[in-house]
Amino acid sequence: MSRTFIMLGAVNAFLCVAFGAFGAHGLKQRLAADMLAVYQTGVQYHFYHALGLVLVGLMLLHFPASKPIVLSGWLMLTGIVLFSVSLYALSLTGIRGLGAITPLGGVAFLSGWALLAYGAWAAK
């Protein structure tokens, strides 16, 4: 399972660099400043949690039986989809209703980090 999360983290980090470059070079002239800031927030949190996925994978090398750590990784991945992808879609389409999905991703992020901390504390 550790290899899965390290791979997911690396793929997501790759995507962050690609999306960040696209935002900086391809969207700078196309999006209003407020929508570009929304897009950049999506990239920023995407990258933090890509690194979080790598961290989950590395922790699973030491605590392979930790269910909380595994669940934390899945929650981080869910958060990326719900939070960052909803912000990408919102900024590119202008559909404000997509912003209603974003807080669910934030809850997934928070839950993921809390479970990671608990998993590290409770691991044997």
N, C-alpha and C. Protein backbone atom coordinates (compact mmCIF):
# COMPACT_ATOMS: atom_id res chain seq x y z
N MET A 1 0.82 -1.19 0.00
CA MET A 1 0.00 0.00 0.00
C MET A 1 0.87 1.26 0.00
N SER A 2 2.05 1.18 0.61
CA SER A 2 2.92 2.36 0.65
C SER A 2 3.30 2.80 -0.77
N ARG A 3 3.59 1.83 -1.62
CA ARG A 3 3.97 2.16 -3.00
C ARG A 3 2.82 2.87 -3.73
N THR A 4 1.60 2.45 -3.45
CA THR A 4 0.43 3.07 -4.08
C THR A 4 0.35 4.55 -3.73
N PHE A 5 0.52 4.88 -2.46
CA PHE A 5 0.41 6.28 -2.05
C PHE A 5 1.60 7.12 -2.50
N ILE A 6 2.79 6.53 -2.53
CA ILE A 6 3.95 7.27 -3.05
C ILE A 6 3.74 7.56 -4.53
N MET A 7 3.23 6.58 -5.29
CA MET A 7 2.95 6.78 -6.71
C MET A 7 1.85 7.82 -6.91
N LEU A 8 0.76 7.72 -6.13
CA LEU A 8 -0.32 8.71 -6.24
C LEU A 8 0.19 10.11 -5.92
N GLY A 9 1.05 10.22 -4.92
CA GLY A 9 1.62 11.51 -4.58
C GLY A 9 2.49 12.06 -5.70
N ALA A 10 3.32 11.21 -6.28
CA ALA A 10 4.20 11.65 -7.36
C ALA A 10 3.40 12.07 -8.60
N VAL A 11 2.39 11.30 -8.95
CA VAL A 11 1.54 11.64 -10.10
C VAL A 11 0.83 12.97 -9.84
N ASN A 12 0.31 13.15 -8.64
CA ASN A 12 -0.37 14.40 -8.32
C ASN A 12 0.59 15.58 -8.26
N ALA A 13 1.80 15.38 -7.80
CA ALA A 13 2.79 16.45 -7.82
C ALA A 13 3.12 16.85 -9.26
N PHE A 14 3.25 15.87 -10.14
CA PHE A 14 3.46 16.13 -11.56
C PHE A 14 2.32 16.98 -12.11
N LEU A 15 1.08 16.58 -11.77
CA LEU A 15 -0.09 17.32 -12.24
C LEU A 15 -0.09 18.75 -11.71
N CYS A 16 0.35 18.92 -10.46
CA CYS A 16 0.41 20.26 -9.87
C CYS A 16 1.35 21.17 -10.66
N VAL A 17 2.49 20.65 -11.01
CA VAL A 17 3.45 21.44 -11.78
C VAL A 17 2.85 21.79 -13.13
N ALA A 18 2.23 20.81 -13.78
CA ALA A 18 1.61 21.06 -15.08
C ALA A 18 0.48 22.08 -14.96
N PHE A 19 -0.42 21.89 -13.98
CA PHE A 19 -1.54 22.82 -13.81
C PHE A 19 -1.04 24.21 -13.41
N GLY A 20 -0.02 24.26 -12.57
CA GLY A 20 0.54 25.55 -12.17
C GLY A 20 1.13 26.29 -13.35
N ALA A 21 1.87 25.59 -14.19
CA ALA A 21 2.45 26.22 -15.38
C ALA A 21 1.35 26.67 -16.34
N PHE A 22 0.34 25.83 -16.51
CA PHE A 22 -0.78 26.20 -17.36
C PHE A 22 -1.47 27.46 -16.84
N GLY A 23 -1.66 27.52 -15.53
CA GLY A 23 -2.28 28.70 -14.94
C GLY A 23 -1.44 29.95 -15.11
N ALA A 24 -0.14 29.80 -14.88
CA ALA A 24 0.75 30.96 -14.95
C ALA A 24 0.95 31.45 -16.38
N HIS A 25 0.97 30.54 -17.33
CA HIS A 25 1.28 30.93 -18.71
C HIS A 25 0.06 30.92 -19.63
N GLY A 26 -0.84 29.98 -19.42
CA GLY A 26 -1.96 29.86 -20.34
C GLY A 26 -3.21 30.59 -19.91
N LEU A 27 -3.35 30.80 -18.60
CA LEU A 27 -4.59 31.40 -18.12
C LEU A 27 -4.44 32.84 -17.67
N LYS A 28 -3.21 33.30 -17.54
CA LYS A 28 -2.96 34.63 -16.99
C LYS A 28 -3.72 35.72 -17.75
N GLN A 29 -3.78 35.61 -19.06
CA GLN A 29 -4.45 36.62 -19.88
C GLN A 29 -5.92 36.30 -20.11
N ARG A 30 -6.35 35.08 -19.75
CA ARG A 30 -7.72 34.65 -20.06
C ARG A 30 -8.68 34.75 -18.88
N LEU A 31 -8.17 34.66 -17.68
CA LEU A 31 -9.03 34.68 -16.50
C LEU A 31 -8.95 36.02 -15.79
N ALA A 32 -10.05 36.41 -15.20
CA ALA A 32 -10.04 37.59 -14.33
C ALA A 32 -9.15 37.30 -13.13
N ALA A 33 -8.64 38.33 -12.51
CA ALA A 33 -7.70 38.17 -11.40
C ALA A 33 -8.28 37.32 -10.27
N ASP A 34 -9.57 37.52 -9.95
CA ASP A 34 -10.17 36.74 -8.86
C ASP A 34 -10.27 35.26 -9.21
N MET A 35 -10.57 34.95 -10.48
CA MET A 35 -10.68 33.54 -10.88
C MET A 35 -9.29 32.90 -11.00
N LEU A 36 -8.30 33.69 -11.38
CA LEU A 36 -6.93 33.17 -11.41
C LEU A 36 -6.47 32.86 -9.99
N ALA A 37 -6.85 33.69 -9.03
CA ALA A 37 -6.51 33.42 -7.63
C ALA A 37 -7.19 32.15 -7.14
N VAL A 38 -8.43 31.91 -7.54
CA VAL A 38 -9.14 30.68 -7.19
C VAL A 38 -8.39 29.48 -7.76
N TYR A 39 -8.00 29.58 -9.03
CA TYR A 39 -7.26 28.50 -9.69
C TYR A 39 -5.95 28.22 -8.93
N GLN A 40 -5.23 29.28 -8.59
CA GLN A 40 -3.95 29.14 -7.89
C GLN A 40 -4.13 28.51 -6.51
N THR A 41 -5.24 28.82 -5.84
CA THR A 41 -5.52 28.18 -4.55
C THR A 41 -5.70 26.68 -4.75
N GLY A 42 -6.38 26.29 -5.81
CA GLY A 42 -6.54 24.87 -6.12
C GLY A 42 -5.19 24.19 -6.31
N VAL A 43 -4.30 24.83 -7.06
CA VAL A 43 -2.96 24.27 -7.30
C VAL A 43 -2.18 24.17 -6.00
N GLN A 44 -2.26 25.21 -5.19
CA GLN A 44 -1.51 25.24 -3.93
C GLN A 44 -1.92 24.09 -3.01
N TYR A 45 -3.22 23.92 -2.79
CA TYR A 45 -3.68 22.85 -1.91
C TYR A 45 -3.48 21.48 -2.54
N HIS A 46 -3.57 21.42 -3.85
CA HIS A 46 -3.30 20.16 -4.56
C HIS A 46 -1.86 19.73 -4.27
N PHE A 47 -0.93 20.69 -4.36
CA PHE A 47 0.47 20.35 -4.15
C PHE A 47 0.75 19.93 -2.71
N TYR A 48 0.18 20.66 -1.75
CA TYR A 48 0.38 20.27 -0.35
C TYR A 48 -0.05 18.83 -0.12
N HIS A 49 -1.17 18.47 -0.72
CA HIS A 49 -1.71 17.13 -0.46
C HIS A 49 -1.10 16.06 -1.34
N ALA A 50 -0.48 16.46 -2.45
CA ALA A 50 0.35 15.51 -3.19
C ALA A 50 1.53 15.10 -2.31
N LEU A 51 2.14 16.07 -1.65
CA LEU A 51 3.23 15.76 -0.72
C LEU A 51 2.70 14.97 0.47
N GLY A 52 1.48 15.27 0.91
CA GLY A 52 0.86 14.50 1.98
C GLY A 52 0.70 13.04 1.60
N LEU A 53 0.34 12.77 0.35
CA LEU A 53 0.22 11.39 -0.11
C LEU A 53 1.57 10.67 -0.07
N VAL A 54 2.62 11.36 -0.47
CA VAL A 54 3.96 10.76 -0.38
C VAL A 54 4.30 10.47 1.08
N LEU A 55 3.98 11.41 1.96
CA LEU A 55 4.22 11.21 3.39
C LEU A 55 3.46 9.99 3.90
N VAL A 56 2.21 9.85 3.51
CA VAL A 56 1.43 8.67 3.90
C VAL A 56 2.14 7.41 3.45
N GLY A 57 2.58 7.38 2.20
CA GLY A 57 3.30 6.21 1.69
C GLY A 57 4.55 5.90 2.49
N LEU A 58 5.31 6.93 2.83
CA LEU A 58 6.53 6.72 3.62
C LEU A 58 6.21 6.23 5.03
N MET A 59 5.15 6.79 5.62
CA MET A 59 4.77 6.32 6.96
C MET A 59 4.31 4.87 6.93
N LEU A 60 3.67 4.48 5.84
CA LEU A 60 3.22 3.08 5.74
C LEU A 60 4.38 2.11 5.62
N LEU A 61 5.55 2.58 5.21
CA LEU A 61 6.74 1.72 5.22
C LEU A 61 7.09 1.33 6.65
N HIS A 62 6.84 2.23 7.60
CA HIS A 62 7.16 1.98 9.01
C HIS A 62 6.00 1.35 9.77
N PHE A 63 4.76 1.68 9.35
CA PHE A 63 3.56 1.19 10.04
C PHE A 63 2.59 0.58 9.02
N PRO A 64 2.98 -0.53 8.39
CA PRO A 64 2.17 -1.06 7.28
C PRO A 64 0.77 -1.53 7.67
N ALA A 65 0.53 -1.82 8.92
CA ALA A 65 -0.78 -2.32 9.34
C ALA A 65 -1.71 -1.21 9.83
N SER A 66 -1.29 0.04 9.70
CA SER A 66 -2.07 1.15 10.25
C SER A 66 -3.24 1.52 9.34
N LYS A 67 -4.43 1.15 9.76
CA LYS A 67 -5.64 1.50 9.01
C LYS A 67 -5.90 3.01 9.02
N PRO A 68 -5.67 3.72 10.13
CA PRO A 68 -5.87 5.18 10.10
C PRO A 68 -4.96 5.89 9.09
N ILE A 69 -3.74 5.43 8.97
CA ILE A 69 -2.83 6.06 8.01
C ILE A 69 -3.30 5.79 6.59
N VAL A 70 -3.72 4.57 6.31
CA VAL A 70 -4.25 4.26 4.98
C VAL A 70 -5.47 5.13 4.68
N LEU A 71 -6.38 5.21 5.62
CA LEU A 71 -7.59 6.01 5.42
C LEU A 71 -7.24 7.48 5.23
N SER A 72 -6.21 7.95 5.92
CA SER A 72 -5.81 9.34 5.76
C SER A 72 -5.37 9.61 4.32
N GLY A 73 -4.69 8.67 3.71
CA GLY A 73 -4.28 8.84 2.32
C GLY A 73 -5.47 8.91 1.38
N TRP A 74 -6.45 8.04 1.59
CA TRP A 74 -7.64 8.07 0.73
C TRP A 74 -8.42 9.36 0.93
N LEU A 75 -8.44 9.87 2.16
CA LEU A 75 -9.12 11.14 2.41
C LEU A 75 -8.39 12.31 1.75
N MET A 76 -7.07 12.27 1.76
CA MET A 76 -6.32 13.32 1.07
C MET A 76 -6.59 13.29 -0.43
N LEU A 77 -6.63 12.10 -1.00
CA LEU A 77 -6.92 11.99 -2.43
C LEU A 77 -8.34 12.48 -2.73
N THR A 78 -9.28 12.12 -1.88
CA THR A 78 -10.65 12.59 -2.02
C THR A 78 -10.70 14.11 -1.92
N GLY A 79 -9.95 14.66 -0.99
CA GLY A 79 -9.88 16.11 -0.83
C GLY A 79 -9.34 16.80 -2.07
N ILE A 80 -8.32 16.21 -2.69
CA ILE A 80 -7.78 16.78 -3.92
C ILE A 80 -8.88 16.87 -4.98
N VAL A 81 -9.63 15.79 -5.13
CA VAL A 81 -10.69 15.78 -6.14
C VAL A 81 -11.79 16.79 -5.80
N LEU A 82 -12.26 16.77 -4.56
CA LEU A 82 -13.37 17.64 -4.19
C LEU A 82 -12.95 19.10 -4.06
N PHE A 83 -11.80 19.36 -3.49
CA PHE A 83 -11.38 20.74 -3.24
C PHE A 83 -10.70 21.33 -4.48
N SER A 84 -9.57 20.78 -4.85
CA SER A 84 -8.79 21.39 -5.93
C SER A 84 -9.50 21.30 -7.27
N VAL A 85 -10.03 20.14 -7.61
CA VAL A 85 -10.68 20.01 -8.91
C VAL A 85 -11.91 20.90 -9.00
N SER A 86 -12.64 21.05 -7.89
CA SER A 86 -13.80 21.96 -7.93
C SER A 86 -13.34 23.40 -8.13
N LEU A 87 -12.21 23.79 -7.55
CA LEU A 87 -11.70 25.14 -7.77
C LEU A 87 -11.21 25.33 -9.20
N TYR A 88 -10.57 24.31 -9.77
CA TYR A 88 -10.16 24.39 -11.18
C TYR A 88 -11.40 24.60 -12.05
N ALA A 89 -12.41 23.78 -11.83
CA ALA A 89 -13.62 23.85 -12.64
C ALA A 89 -14.33 25.19 -12.44
N LEU A 90 -14.42 25.65 -11.21
CA LEU A 90 -15.06 26.93 -10.93
C LEU A 90 -14.35 28.06 -11.66
N SER A 91 -13.03 28.09 -11.56
CA SER A 91 -12.28 29.20 -12.18
C SER A 91 -12.36 29.15 -13.70
N LEU A 92 -12.42 27.97 -14.28
CA LEU A 92 -12.44 27.84 -15.74
C LEU A 92 -13.83 28.01 -16.34
N THR A 93 -14.87 27.65 -15.58
CA THR A 93 -16.22 27.72 -16.13
C THR A 93 -17.02 28.89 -15.59
N GLY A 94 -16.67 29.39 -14.41
CA GLY A 94 -17.43 30.45 -13.79
C GLY A 94 -18.72 29.98 -13.14
N ILE A 95 -18.95 28.67 -13.10
CA ILE A 95 -20.16 28.13 -12.48
C ILE A 95 -19.97 28.18 -10.96
N ARG A 96 -20.61 29.15 -10.34
CA ARG A 96 -20.42 29.39 -8.90
C ARG A 96 -20.91 28.23 -8.03
N GLY A 97 -21.88 27.46 -8.52
CA GLY A 97 -22.40 26.33 -7.75
C GLY A 97 -21.34 25.30 -7.44
N LEU A 98 -20.27 25.26 -8.24
CA LEU A 98 -19.19 24.31 -7.96
C LEU A 98 -18.49 24.62 -6.65
N GLY A 99 -18.59 25.88 -6.21
CA GLY A 99 -17.98 26.26 -4.94
C GLY A 99 -18.60 25.56 -3.74
N ALA A 100 -19.80 25.01 -3.92
CA ALA A 100 -20.46 24.29 -2.83
C ALA A 100 -19.77 22.96 -2.54
N ILE A 101 -19.04 22.44 -3.51
CA ILE A 101 -18.34 21.16 -3.34
C ILE A 101 -17.03 21.36 -2.56
N THR A 102 -16.44 22.52 -2.73
CA THR A 102 -15.11 22.79 -2.18
C THR A 102 -15.01 22.53 -0.67
N PRO A 103 -15.95 22.96 0.16
CA PRO A 103 -15.83 22.71 1.60
C PRO A 103 -15.80 21.21 1.95
N LEU A 104 -16.46 20.39 1.14
CA LEU A 104 -16.40 18.94 1.40
C LEU A 104 -14.96 18.44 1.23
N GLY A 105 -14.27 18.99 0.25
CA GLY A 105 -12.85 18.65 0.09
C GLY A 105 -12.02 19.13 1.25
N GLY A 106 -12.34 20.31 1.78
CA GLY A 106 -11.64 20.82 2.95
C GLY A 106 -11.82 19.93 4.16
N VAL A 107 -13.03 19.42 4.33
CA VAL A 107 -13.30 18.49 5.44
C VAL A 107 -12.51 17.20 5.23
N ALA A 108 -12.43 16.73 3.99
CA ALA A 108 -11.63 15.52 3.71
C ALA A 108 -10.15 15.77 4.03
N PHE A 109 -9.64 16.95 3.66
CA PHE A 109 -8.25 17.29 3.99
C PHE A 109 -8.03 17.28 5.50
N LEU A 110 -8.90 17.98 6.22
CA LEU A 110 -8.76 18.05 7.67
C LEU A 110 -8.83 16.67 8.31
N SER A 111 -9.77 15.88 7.86
CA SER A 111 -9.92 14.52 8.39
C SER A 111 -8.70 13.68 8.07
N GLY A 112 -8.17 13.84 6.87
CA GLY A 112 -6.97 13.09 6.48
C GLY A 112 -5.78 13.41 7.37
N TRP A 113 -5.55 14.70 7.62
CA TRP A 113 -4.42 15.08 8.48
C TRP A 113 -4.64 14.62 9.91
N ALA A 114 -5.87 14.72 10.40
CA ALA A 114 -6.15 14.27 11.77
C ALA A 114 -5.92 12.77 11.90
N LEU A 115 -6.37 12.01 10.91
CA LEU A 115 -6.16 10.56 10.96
C LEU A 115 -4.68 10.20 10.82
N LEU A 116 -3.94 10.98 10.04
CA LEU A 116 -2.51 10.73 9.91
C LEU A 116 -1.84 10.93 11.27
N ALA A 117 -2.20 11.99 11.97
CA ALA A 117 -1.63 12.23 13.29
C ALA A 117 -2.02 11.12 14.26
N TYR A 118 -3.30 10.75 14.24
CA TYR A 118 -3.76 9.67 15.11
C TYR A 118 -3.04 8.36 14.77
N GLY A 119 -2.92 8.08 13.48
CA GLY A 119 -2.26 6.84 13.06
C GLY A 119 -0.81 6.78 13.50
N ALA A 120 -0.11 7.92 13.44
CA ALA A 120 1.27 7.96 13.90
C ALA A 120 1.36 7.75 15.41
N TRP A 121 0.41 8.35 16.13
CA TRP A 121 0.40 8.23 17.59
C TRP A 121 0.04 6.82 18.02
N ALA A 122 -0.91 6.20 17.35
CA ALA A 122 -1.43 4.89 17.77
C ALA A 122 -0.65 3.71 17.20
N ALA A 123 0.20 3.95 16.22
CA ALA A 123 0.91 2.85 15.55
C ALA A 123 1.85 2.14 16.50
N LYS A 124 1.94 0.84 16.29
CA LYS A 124 2.82 0.03 17.14
C LYS A 124 3.94 -0.56 16.33
